[in-house]
Amino acid sequence: MVKKTRAYGIQRPLEDVFPVPVIALRTPTSSDTNYELGQIWVYKTTGAIYGLANVASGSATWSLLGPGASDVDTLTGDSGGAISPVGGNITLTGGTNITTVGTAGTITFNLDAAITLATSVTSALYTTAAATDLLITAATGQDIILKMGDAAGANKVSFTDSADSSLCCGFKRCNYFHQLCE
């Protein structure tokens, strides 16, 4: 049975009073059951404050009340608004080509080593790691098509070396590109 804190009053012999907070060098556990509901527990080392919310079947439920290492109300992503906890939990999951791995206090998002894109990719620069070739391949029977921005010939395909010296000026201005392909 959970004990009640009582004190002698002026007009009544015994009155219920709020219990004095427990100040301890540890957090409360589910076995800390011999307290009144609403009991405050202060973990002196971190300053976290807990309140006894429930005692059932010999097990206590202590809720974090004050500021602490897990005082988070919502997470906000790039779009979709703030995400509030459901049942005290916020789940972060991966999607296409992304997986998540969780450890104590950390969730790591991993991009699959080989990905298949459902749509196009746009970038001003693609760079490979040192000693790694950039390989563009097509499935058997499929072509690789480089499509320029206009039909007037104002765009060109250029090949440069590591010092940015031009090796080829493009399709319409020189024959070097065709020699590379042969």
N, C-alpha and C. Protein backbone atom coordinates (compact mmCIF):
# COMPACT_ATOMS: atom_id res chain seq x y z
N MET A 1 0.84 -1.18 0.00
CA MET A 1 0.00 0.00 0.00
C MET A 1 0.88 1.24 0.00
N VAL A 2 0.52 2.22 -0.80
CA VAL A 2 1.27 3.46 -0.88
C VAL A 2 0.94 4.29 0.36
N LYS A 3 2.01 4.77 1.02
CA LYS A 3 1.78 5.51 2.26
C LYS A 3 1.28 6.93 1.97
N LYS A 4 0.60 7.51 2.94
CA LYS A 4 0.08 8.88 2.86
C LYS A 4 0.85 9.73 3.85
N THR A 5 1.20 10.93 3.43
CA THR A 5 1.86 11.87 4.33
C THR A 5 0.80 12.71 5.00
N ARG A 6 0.85 12.75 6.35
CA ARG A 6 -0.15 13.50 7.11
C ARG A 6 0.57 14.34 8.15
N ALA A 7 -0.08 15.43 8.54
CA ALA A 7 0.46 16.31 9.58
C ALA A 7 -0.68 16.81 10.44
N TYR A 8 -0.34 17.21 11.67
CA TYR A 8 -1.35 17.77 12.56
C TYR A 8 -1.68 19.18 12.11
N GLY A 9 -2.97 19.47 12.02
CA GLY A 9 -3.41 20.78 11.59
C GLY A 9 -3.97 21.60 12.73
N ILE A 10 -4.33 22.85 12.43
CA ILE A 10 -4.86 23.74 13.45
C ILE A 10 -6.33 23.43 13.70
N GLN A 11 -7.09 23.25 12.62
CA GLN A 11 -8.52 23.04 12.81
C GLN A 11 -8.92 21.57 12.76
N ARG A 12 -8.06 20.72 12.25
CA ARG A 12 -8.34 19.28 12.20
C ARG A 12 -7.15 18.54 12.79
N PRO A 13 -7.39 17.39 13.37
CA PRO A 13 -6.27 16.69 14.00
C PRO A 13 -5.23 16.19 13.00
N LEU A 14 -5.63 15.59 11.86
CA LEU A 14 -4.67 15.11 10.86
C LEU A 14 -5.12 15.56 9.48
N GLU A 15 -4.19 16.15 8.74
CA GLU A 15 -4.46 16.62 7.38
C GLU A 15 -3.48 15.97 6.42
N ASP A 16 -3.96 15.68 5.20
CA ASP A 16 -3.06 15.18 4.16
C ASP A 16 -2.20 16.35 3.70
N VAL A 17 -0.90 16.11 3.58
CA VAL A 17 0.03 17.14 3.08
C VAL A 17 0.88 16.53 1.97
N PHE A 18 1.39 17.41 1.14
CA PHE A 18 2.24 16.95 0.05
C PHE A 18 3.56 16.46 0.65
N PRO A 19 4.05 15.30 0.23
CA PRO A 19 5.27 14.76 0.84
C PRO A 19 6.50 15.58 0.47
N VAL A 20 7.47 15.58 1.36
CA VAL A 20 8.75 16.26 1.13
C VAL A 20 9.47 15.52 -0.01
N PRO A 21 10.08 16.25 -0.97
CA PRO A 21 10.77 15.57 -2.08
C PRO A 21 11.90 14.66 -1.60
N VAL A 22 12.08 13.56 -2.32
CA VAL A 22 13.22 12.67 -2.08
C VAL A 22 14.38 13.25 -2.87
N ILE A 23 15.51 13.44 -2.21
CA ILE A 23 16.71 13.91 -2.89
C ILE A 23 17.72 12.79 -2.78
N ALA A 24 18.11 12.23 -3.95
CA ALA A 24 18.94 11.02 -3.95
C ALA A 24 20.06 11.12 -4.97
N LEU A 25 21.02 10.23 -4.85
CA LEU A 25 22.14 10.16 -5.79
C LEU A 25 21.91 9.11 -6.87
N ARG A 26 20.65 8.82 -7.12
CA ARG A 26 20.27 7.87 -8.18
C ARG A 26 18.88 8.24 -8.69
N THR A 27 18.54 7.68 -9.84
CA THR A 27 17.18 7.87 -10.36
C THR A 27 16.25 6.87 -9.70
N PRO A 28 14.96 7.17 -9.63
CA PRO A 28 14.04 6.19 -9.06
C PRO A 28 13.88 5.00 -10.00
N THR A 29 13.53 3.86 -9.43
CA THR A 29 13.33 2.64 -10.22
C THR A 29 11.91 2.13 -10.02
N SER A 30 11.56 1.14 -10.76
CA SER A 30 10.22 0.56 -10.65
C SER A 30 9.99 -0.11 -9.30
N SER A 31 11.07 -0.42 -8.59
CA SER A 31 10.90 -1.04 -7.27
C SER A 31 10.73 0.00 -6.16
N ASP A 32 10.83 1.28 -6.47
CA ASP A 32 10.58 2.35 -5.48
C ASP A 32 9.08 2.60 -5.41
N THR A 33 8.39 1.71 -4.69
CA THR A 33 6.91 1.72 -4.66
C THR A 33 6.32 2.29 -3.38
N ASN A 34 7.09 2.41 -2.33
CA ASN A 34 6.54 2.80 -1.03
C ASN A 34 6.46 4.32 -0.88
N TYR A 35 5.88 4.96 -1.87
CA TYR A 35 5.73 6.41 -1.86
C TYR A 35 4.31 6.77 -2.28
N GLU A 36 3.91 7.95 -1.92
CA GLU A 36 2.59 8.46 -2.27
C GLU A 36 2.58 8.91 -3.73
N LEU A 37 1.46 8.68 -4.44
CA LEU A 37 1.34 9.17 -5.81
C LEU A 37 1.58 10.68 -5.81
N GLY A 38 2.35 11.15 -6.77
CA GLY A 38 2.70 12.56 -6.82
C GLY A 38 4.01 12.87 -6.12
N GLN A 39 4.63 11.85 -5.50
CA GLN A 39 5.91 12.04 -4.82
C GLN A 39 6.94 12.60 -5.81
N ILE A 40 7.69 13.58 -5.40
CA ILE A 40 8.75 14.18 -6.22
C ILE A 40 10.08 13.52 -5.83
N TRP A 41 10.88 13.19 -6.83
CA TRP A 41 12.19 12.58 -6.62
C TRP A 41 13.19 13.41 -7.41
N VAL A 42 14.21 13.93 -6.74
CA VAL A 42 15.24 14.74 -7.39
C VAL A 42 16.53 13.92 -7.45
N TYR A 43 17.02 13.72 -8.67
CA TYR A 43 18.31 13.05 -8.85
C TYR A 43 19.37 14.14 -8.75
N LYS A 44 20.02 14.21 -7.62
CA LYS A 44 20.92 15.32 -7.27
C LYS A 44 22.07 15.50 -8.27
N THR A 45 22.60 14.42 -8.80
CA THR A 45 23.75 14.49 -9.70
C THR A 45 23.45 15.28 -10.97
N THR A 46 22.26 15.05 -11.57
CA THR A 46 21.93 15.71 -12.84
C THR A 46 20.88 16.81 -12.70
N GLY A 47 20.18 16.84 -11.58
CA GLY A 47 19.11 17.81 -11.40
C GLY A 47 17.81 17.40 -12.05
N ALA A 48 17.73 16.18 -12.57
CA ALA A 48 16.49 15.70 -13.17
C ALA A 48 15.46 15.47 -12.06
N ILE A 49 14.19 15.80 -12.37
CA ILE A 49 13.11 15.68 -11.40
C ILE A 49 12.08 14.68 -11.93
N TYR A 50 11.69 13.73 -11.07
CA TYR A 50 10.73 12.70 -11.43
C TYR A 50 9.52 12.80 -10.51
N GLY A 51 8.37 12.35 -11.01
CA GLY A 51 7.16 12.28 -10.20
C GLY A 51 6.59 10.88 -10.27
N LEU A 52 6.11 10.37 -9.13
CA LEU A 52 5.51 9.04 -9.11
C LEU A 52 4.12 9.13 -9.73
N ALA A 53 3.95 8.49 -10.89
CA ALA A 53 2.71 8.57 -11.64
C ALA A 53 1.77 7.41 -11.38
N ASN A 54 2.32 6.22 -11.06
CA ASN A 54 1.46 5.05 -10.91
C ASN A 54 2.21 3.96 -10.14
N VAL A 55 1.46 3.20 -9.36
CA VAL A 55 1.97 1.98 -8.73
C VAL A 55 0.93 0.89 -8.99
N ALA A 56 1.34 -0.13 -9.73
CA ALA A 56 0.43 -1.23 -10.05
C ALA A 56 1.21 -2.53 -10.07
N SER A 57 0.62 -3.57 -9.51
CA SER A 57 1.23 -4.91 -9.47
C SER A 57 2.64 -4.88 -8.90
N GLY A 58 2.87 -4.04 -7.89
CA GLY A 58 4.17 -3.98 -7.23
C GLY A 58 5.25 -3.26 -8.03
N SER A 59 4.86 -2.50 -9.06
CA SER A 59 5.82 -1.80 -9.91
C SER A 59 5.45 -0.32 -10.00
N ALA A 60 6.44 0.54 -9.79
CA ALA A 60 6.21 1.99 -9.82
C ALA A 60 6.56 2.55 -11.20
N THR A 61 5.79 3.56 -11.63
CA THR A 61 6.08 4.29 -12.86
C THR A 61 6.44 5.71 -12.47
N TRP A 62 7.70 6.08 -12.72
CA TRP A 62 8.20 7.42 -12.43
C TRP A 62 8.34 8.17 -13.75
N SER A 63 7.80 9.38 -13.83
CA SER A 63 7.86 10.18 -15.06
C SER A 63 8.83 11.33 -14.87
N LEU A 64 9.63 11.58 -15.90
CA LEU A 64 10.55 12.71 -15.89
C LEU A 64 9.74 14.00 -15.94
N LEU A 65 9.93 14.89 -14.97
CA LEU A 65 9.16 16.13 -14.90
C LEU A 65 9.98 17.36 -15.26
N GLY A 66 11.20 17.37 -14.87
CA GLY A 66 12.02 18.57 -15.06
C GLY A 66 13.00 18.41 -16.19
N PRO A 67 13.77 19.46 -16.40
CA PRO A 67 14.75 19.40 -17.48
C PRO A 67 15.75 18.28 -17.25
N GLY A 68 16.08 17.62 -18.31
CA GLY A 68 17.02 16.52 -18.25
C GLY A 68 17.55 16.22 -19.62
N ALA A 69 18.25 15.14 -19.77
CA ALA A 69 18.86 14.78 -21.04
C ALA A 69 17.84 14.40 -22.10
N SER A 70 16.59 14.13 -21.73
CA SER A 70 15.61 13.71 -22.73
C SER A 70 14.40 14.63 -22.76
N ASP A 71 14.59 15.90 -22.56
CA ASP A 71 13.48 16.86 -22.56
C ASP A 71 13.21 17.35 -23.98
N VAL A 72 12.60 16.46 -24.81
CA VAL A 72 12.29 16.77 -26.21
C VAL A 72 10.79 16.64 -26.40
N ASP A 73 10.20 17.66 -27.00
CA ASP A 73 8.76 17.62 -27.25
C ASP A 73 8.43 17.23 -28.68
N THR A 74 9.21 17.73 -29.65
CA THR A 74 8.95 17.42 -31.06
C THR A 74 10.26 17.39 -31.84
N LEU A 75 10.21 16.78 -33.01
CA LEU A 75 11.28 16.83 -34.00
C LEU A 75 10.68 17.44 -35.26
N THR A 76 11.46 18.26 -35.95
CA THR A 76 10.98 18.90 -37.17
C THR A 76 11.90 18.54 -38.32
N GLY A 77 11.33 18.04 -39.40
CA GLY A 77 12.10 17.65 -40.58
C GLY A 77 12.10 18.76 -41.62
N ASP A 78 12.59 18.42 -42.81
CA ASP A 78 12.63 19.38 -43.91
C ASP A 78 11.24 19.82 -44.33
N SER A 79 10.27 18.92 -44.20
CA SER A 79 8.90 19.26 -44.55
C SER A 79 7.96 18.42 -43.69
N GLY A 80 6.71 18.73 -43.70
CA GLY A 80 5.73 17.94 -42.97
C GLY A 80 5.43 18.44 -41.57
N GLY A 81 6.13 19.46 -41.09
CA GLY A 81 5.84 20.01 -39.77
C GLY A 81 6.50 19.24 -38.65
N ALA A 82 6.14 19.60 -37.43
CA ALA A 82 6.72 18.99 -36.24
C ALA A 82 6.11 17.62 -35.98
N ILE A 83 6.94 16.71 -35.52
CA ILE A 83 6.52 15.35 -35.19
C ILE A 83 6.50 15.23 -33.67
N SER A 84 5.36 14.93 -33.11
CA SER A 84 5.22 14.78 -31.67
C SER A 84 5.34 13.31 -31.29
N PRO A 85 5.80 13.02 -30.07
CA PRO A 85 5.90 11.63 -29.65
C PRO A 85 4.53 10.95 -29.58
N VAL A 86 4.51 9.66 -29.85
CA VAL A 86 3.32 8.83 -29.68
C VAL A 86 3.70 7.79 -28.64
N GLY A 87 3.03 7.80 -27.53
CA GLY A 87 3.37 6.87 -26.46
C GLY A 87 4.77 7.10 -25.93
N GLY A 88 5.25 8.35 -25.97
CA GLY A 88 6.58 8.67 -25.47
C GLY A 88 7.71 8.34 -26.43
N ASN A 89 7.39 8.02 -27.69
CA ASN A 89 8.41 7.59 -28.63
C ASN A 89 8.27 8.33 -29.96
N ILE A 90 9.41 8.70 -30.56
CA ILE A 90 9.46 9.22 -31.92
C ILE A 90 10.31 8.25 -32.71
N THR A 91 9.74 7.65 -33.76
CA THR A 91 10.44 6.66 -34.57
C THR A 91 11.03 7.33 -35.80
N LEU A 92 12.32 7.12 -36.04
CA LEU A 92 12.99 7.64 -37.23
C LEU A 92 13.33 6.45 -38.11
N THR A 93 12.73 6.40 -39.28
CA THR A 93 12.94 5.27 -40.18
C THR A 93 13.57 5.74 -41.47
N GLY A 94 14.18 4.82 -42.16
CA GLY A 94 14.75 5.13 -43.47
C GLY A 94 13.68 5.03 -44.54
N GLY A 95 14.10 5.21 -45.75
CA GLY A 95 13.19 5.11 -46.88
C GLY A 95 13.90 4.37 -48.00
N THR A 96 13.58 4.70 -49.23
CA THR A 96 14.22 4.08 -50.37
C THR A 96 15.73 4.30 -50.30
N ASN A 97 16.50 3.23 -50.31
CA ASN A 97 17.96 3.25 -50.29
C ASN A 97 18.57 3.77 -48.99
N ILE A 98 17.77 3.96 -47.93
CA ILE A 98 18.28 4.47 -46.66
C ILE A 98 17.83 3.54 -45.54
N THR A 99 18.75 3.18 -44.66
CA THR A 99 18.41 2.38 -43.49
C THR A 99 18.85 3.16 -42.24
N THR A 100 18.26 2.83 -41.10
CA THR A 100 18.64 3.47 -39.85
C THR A 100 19.08 2.39 -38.85
N VAL A 101 20.04 2.75 -38.02
CA VAL A 101 20.52 1.87 -36.97
C VAL A 101 20.55 2.68 -35.69
N GLY A 102 19.91 2.18 -34.63
CA GLY A 102 19.86 2.91 -33.38
C GLY A 102 20.69 2.27 -32.29
N THR A 103 21.39 3.12 -31.54
CA THR A 103 22.08 2.72 -30.32
C THR A 103 21.69 3.72 -29.25
N ALA A 104 22.16 3.58 -28.05
CA ALA A 104 21.79 4.47 -26.95
C ALA A 104 22.07 5.93 -27.31
N GLY A 105 21.02 6.71 -27.49
CA GLY A 105 21.16 8.14 -27.76
C GLY A 105 21.53 8.51 -29.18
N THR A 106 21.68 7.55 -30.10
CA THR A 106 22.13 7.86 -31.45
C THR A 106 21.35 7.05 -32.48
N ILE A 107 20.94 7.71 -33.56
CA ILE A 107 20.38 7.01 -34.72
C ILE A 107 21.25 7.39 -35.91
N THR A 108 21.77 6.38 -36.60
CA THR A 108 22.63 6.61 -37.76
C THR A 108 21.83 6.28 -39.02
N PHE A 109 21.86 7.20 -39.98
CA PHE A 109 21.20 6.99 -41.27
C PHE A 109 22.26 6.54 -42.27
N ASN A 110 22.04 5.40 -42.91
CA ASN A 110 22.99 4.84 -43.86
C ASN A 110 22.40 4.80 -45.25
N LEU A 111 23.17 5.25 -46.22
CA LEU A 111 22.78 5.16 -47.63
C LEU A 111 23.30 3.83 -48.15
N ASP A 112 22.45 3.07 -48.83
CA ASP A 112 22.86 1.78 -49.37
C ASP A 112 24.09 1.95 -50.27
N ALA A 113 24.95 0.94 -50.30
CA ALA A 113 26.17 1.01 -51.10
C ALA A 113 25.86 1.10 -52.59
N ALA A 114 24.89 0.37 -53.05
CA ALA A 114 24.46 0.43 -54.45
C ALA A 114 23.00 0.87 -54.44
N ILE A 115 22.73 1.99 -55.06
CA ILE A 115 21.37 2.50 -55.03
C ILE A 115 20.77 2.52 -56.42
N THR A 116 19.47 2.39 -56.48
CA THR A 116 18.72 2.53 -57.72
C THR A 116 17.81 3.72 -57.53
N LEU A 117 17.97 4.70 -58.39
CA LEU A 117 17.17 5.91 -58.28
C LEU A 117 15.89 5.76 -59.09
N ALA A 118 14.80 6.20 -58.49
CA ALA A 118 13.51 6.10 -59.16
C ALA A 118 13.29 7.27 -60.11
N THR A 119 14.15 8.26 -60.07
CA THR A 119 14.00 9.45 -60.89
C THR A 119 15.37 9.96 -61.29
N SER A 120 15.46 11.14 -61.85
CA SER A 120 16.74 11.69 -62.28
C SER A 120 17.47 12.33 -61.11
N VAL A 121 18.77 12.53 -61.30
CA VAL A 121 19.62 13.17 -60.30
C VAL A 121 20.26 14.38 -60.96
N THR A 122 20.27 15.49 -60.28
CA THR A 122 20.86 16.70 -60.81
C THR A 122 21.98 17.15 -59.89
N SER A 123 23.13 17.45 -60.47
CA SER A 123 24.25 17.95 -59.70
C SER A 123 25.18 18.70 -60.64
N ALA A 124 25.80 19.75 -60.12
CA ALA A 124 26.76 20.49 -60.92
C ALA A 124 28.11 19.78 -60.95
N LEU A 125 28.34 18.85 -60.03
CA LEU A 125 29.63 18.20 -59.93
C LEU A 125 29.47 16.79 -59.37
N TYR A 126 30.09 15.83 -60.03
CA TYR A 126 30.16 14.47 -59.52
C TYR A 126 31.64 14.14 -59.35
N THR A 127 32.05 13.73 -58.17
CA THR A 127 33.44 13.44 -57.86
C THR A 127 33.55 12.02 -57.33
N THR A 128 34.58 11.30 -57.78
CA THR A 128 34.82 9.96 -57.25
C THR A 128 35.97 10.02 -56.26
N ALA A 129 36.07 8.99 -55.44
CA ALA A 129 37.17 8.90 -54.48
C ALA A 129 38.48 8.68 -55.22
N ALA A 130 39.58 8.97 -54.53
CA ALA A 130 40.90 8.78 -55.14
C ALA A 130 41.05 7.33 -55.59
N ALA A 131 41.70 7.13 -56.70
CA ALA A 131 41.97 5.81 -57.29
C ALA A 131 40.69 5.06 -57.61
N THR A 132 39.60 5.78 -57.87
CA THR A 132 38.33 5.16 -58.24
C THR A 132 37.86 5.75 -59.56
N ASP A 133 37.52 4.90 -60.50
CA ASP A 133 37.02 5.38 -61.79
C ASP A 133 35.54 5.73 -61.66
N LEU A 134 35.10 6.69 -62.45
CA LEU A 134 33.68 6.98 -62.58
C LEU A 134 33.18 6.10 -63.72
N LEU A 135 32.24 5.24 -63.41
CA LEU A 135 31.77 4.28 -64.38
C LEU A 135 30.29 4.52 -64.64
N ILE A 136 29.96 4.76 -65.89
CA ILE A 136 28.57 4.91 -66.30
C ILE A 136 28.28 3.73 -67.22
N THR A 137 27.34 2.90 -66.82
CA THR A 137 27.03 1.72 -67.62
C THR A 137 25.54 1.68 -67.93
N ALA A 138 25.21 0.96 -68.96
CA ALA A 138 23.81 0.74 -69.32
C ALA A 138 23.59 -0.76 -69.42
N ALA A 139 22.39 -1.18 -69.16
CA ALA A 139 22.04 -2.60 -69.27
C ALA A 139 22.18 -3.02 -70.73
N THR A 140 22.39 -4.30 -70.95
CA THR A 140 22.54 -4.83 -72.31
C THR A 140 21.35 -4.41 -73.17
N GLY A 141 21.66 -3.87 -74.34
CA GLY A 141 20.61 -3.44 -75.26
C GLY A 141 20.14 -2.01 -75.01
N GLN A 142 20.70 -1.34 -73.99
CA GLN A 142 20.31 0.05 -73.69
C GLN A 142 21.46 0.99 -74.05
N ASP A 143 21.15 2.20 -74.48
CA ASP A 143 22.15 3.19 -74.86
C ASP A 143 22.42 4.14 -73.69
N ILE A 144 23.59 4.79 -73.75
CA ILE A 144 23.89 5.91 -72.86
C ILE A 144 23.74 7.16 -73.72
N ILE A 145 22.87 8.04 -73.31
CA ILE A 145 22.58 9.23 -74.10
C ILE A 145 22.95 10.46 -73.28
N LEU A 146 23.79 11.32 -73.85
CA LEU A 146 24.10 12.61 -73.25
C LEU A 146 23.29 13.64 -74.01
N LYS A 147 22.37 14.29 -73.34
CA LYS A 147 21.48 15.23 -74.00
C LYS A 147 21.90 16.65 -73.62
N MET A 148 22.18 17.47 -74.62
CA MET A 148 22.61 18.84 -74.41
C MET A 148 21.40 19.75 -74.19
N GLY A 149 21.66 20.94 -73.68
CA GLY A 149 20.59 21.85 -73.30
C GLY A 149 19.86 22.52 -74.44
N ASP A 150 20.47 22.60 -75.62
CA ASP A 150 19.75 23.21 -76.74
C ASP A 150 20.16 22.54 -78.05
N ALA A 151 19.42 22.83 -79.10
CA ALA A 151 19.70 22.23 -80.40
C ALA A 151 20.54 23.13 -81.29
N ALA A 152 20.98 24.29 -80.78
CA ALA A 152 21.72 25.26 -81.60
C ALA A 152 23.21 25.01 -81.58
N GLY A 153 23.68 24.04 -80.82
CA GLY A 153 25.11 23.75 -80.80
C GLY A 153 25.89 24.66 -79.86
N ALA A 154 25.20 25.39 -78.99
CA ALA A 154 25.90 26.29 -78.07
C ALA A 154 26.53 25.53 -76.90
N ASN A 155 26.11 24.32 -76.63
CA ASN A 155 26.69 23.51 -75.57
C ASN A 155 27.78 22.63 -76.16
N LYS A 156 28.73 22.22 -75.32
CA LYS A 156 29.77 21.32 -75.79
C LYS A 156 30.10 20.30 -74.72
N VAL A 157 30.68 19.22 -75.14
CA VAL A 157 31.21 18.22 -74.22
C VAL A 157 32.70 18.45 -74.18
N SER A 158 33.24 18.69 -72.97
CA SER A 158 34.67 18.96 -72.82
C SER A 158 35.30 17.91 -71.94
N PHE A 159 36.52 17.55 -72.27
CA PHE A 159 37.32 16.65 -71.45
C PHE A 159 38.56 17.43 -71.03
N THR A 160 38.81 17.48 -69.72
CA THR A 160 39.98 18.19 -69.22
C THR A 160 40.79 17.25 -68.34
N ASP A 161 42.09 17.56 -68.19
CA ASP A 161 42.93 16.78 -67.29
C ASP A 161 42.89 17.40 -65.89
N SER A 162 43.67 16.86 -64.94
CA SER A 162 43.63 17.32 -63.56
C SER A 162 44.08 18.76 -63.40
N ALA A 163 44.78 19.31 -64.39
CA ALA A 163 45.19 20.72 -64.35
C ALA A 163 44.19 21.60 -65.09
N ASP A 164 43.02 21.05 -65.42
CA ASP A 164 41.97 21.75 -66.15
C ASP A 164 42.39 22.18 -67.56
N SER A 165 43.35 21.48 -68.16
CA SER A 165 43.73 21.74 -69.55
C SER A 165 42.79 20.97 -70.45
N SER A 166 42.28 21.65 -71.47
CA SER A 166 41.28 21.05 -72.35
C SER A 166 41.91 19.96 -73.20
N LEU A 167 41.26 18.81 -73.25
CA LEU A 167 41.70 17.70 -74.09
C LEU A 167 40.84 17.57 -75.33
N CYS A 168 39.63 18.14 -75.28
CA CYS A 168 38.74 18.04 -76.42
C CYS A 168 37.75 19.18 -76.37
N CYS A 169 37.42 19.74 -77.49
CA CYS A 169 36.53 20.90 -77.49
C CYS A 169 35.08 20.54 -77.75
N GLY A 170 34.75 19.32 -78.09
CA GLY A 170 33.35 18.95 -78.27
C GLY A 170 33.07 18.35 -79.63
N PHE A 171 31.79 17.99 -79.83
CA PHE A 171 31.40 17.30 -81.06
C PHE A 171 31.56 18.14 -82.31
N LYS A 172 31.07 19.35 -82.29
CA LYS A 172 30.97 20.13 -83.52
C LYS A 172 32.25 20.90 -83.84
N ARG A 173 33.18 21.01 -82.89
CA ARG A 173 34.33 21.87 -83.11
C ARG A 173 35.63 21.11 -83.37
N CYS A 174 35.69 19.85 -83.02
CA CYS A 174 36.91 19.09 -83.29
C CYS A 174 36.60 17.61 -83.43
N ASN A 175 37.53 16.87 -83.87
CA ASN A 175 37.36 15.46 -84.14
C ASN A 175 37.90 14.60 -83.00
N TYR A 176 38.45 15.23 -81.95
CA TYR A 176 39.15 14.49 -80.89
C TYR A 176 38.22 13.54 -80.14
N PHE A 177 36.98 13.98 -79.88
CA PHE A 177 36.04 13.14 -79.14
C PHE A 177 35.81 11.83 -79.89
N HIS A 178 35.67 11.88 -81.20
CA HIS A 178 35.43 10.68 -81.99
C HIS A 178 36.63 9.76 -81.94
N GLN A 179 37.85 10.32 -81.86
CA GLN A 179 39.05 9.50 -81.76
C GLN A 179 39.08 8.77 -80.42
N LEU A 180 38.60 9.41 -79.34
CA LEU A 180 38.56 8.76 -78.03
C LEU A 180 37.63 7.55 -78.03
N CYS A 181 36.58 7.64 -78.80
CA CYS A 181 35.57 6.59 -78.82
C CYS A 181 35.96 5.40 -79.69
N GLU A 182 36.93 5.56 -80.55
CA GLU A 182 37.30 4.48 -81.48
C GLU A 182 38.35 3.57 -80.91
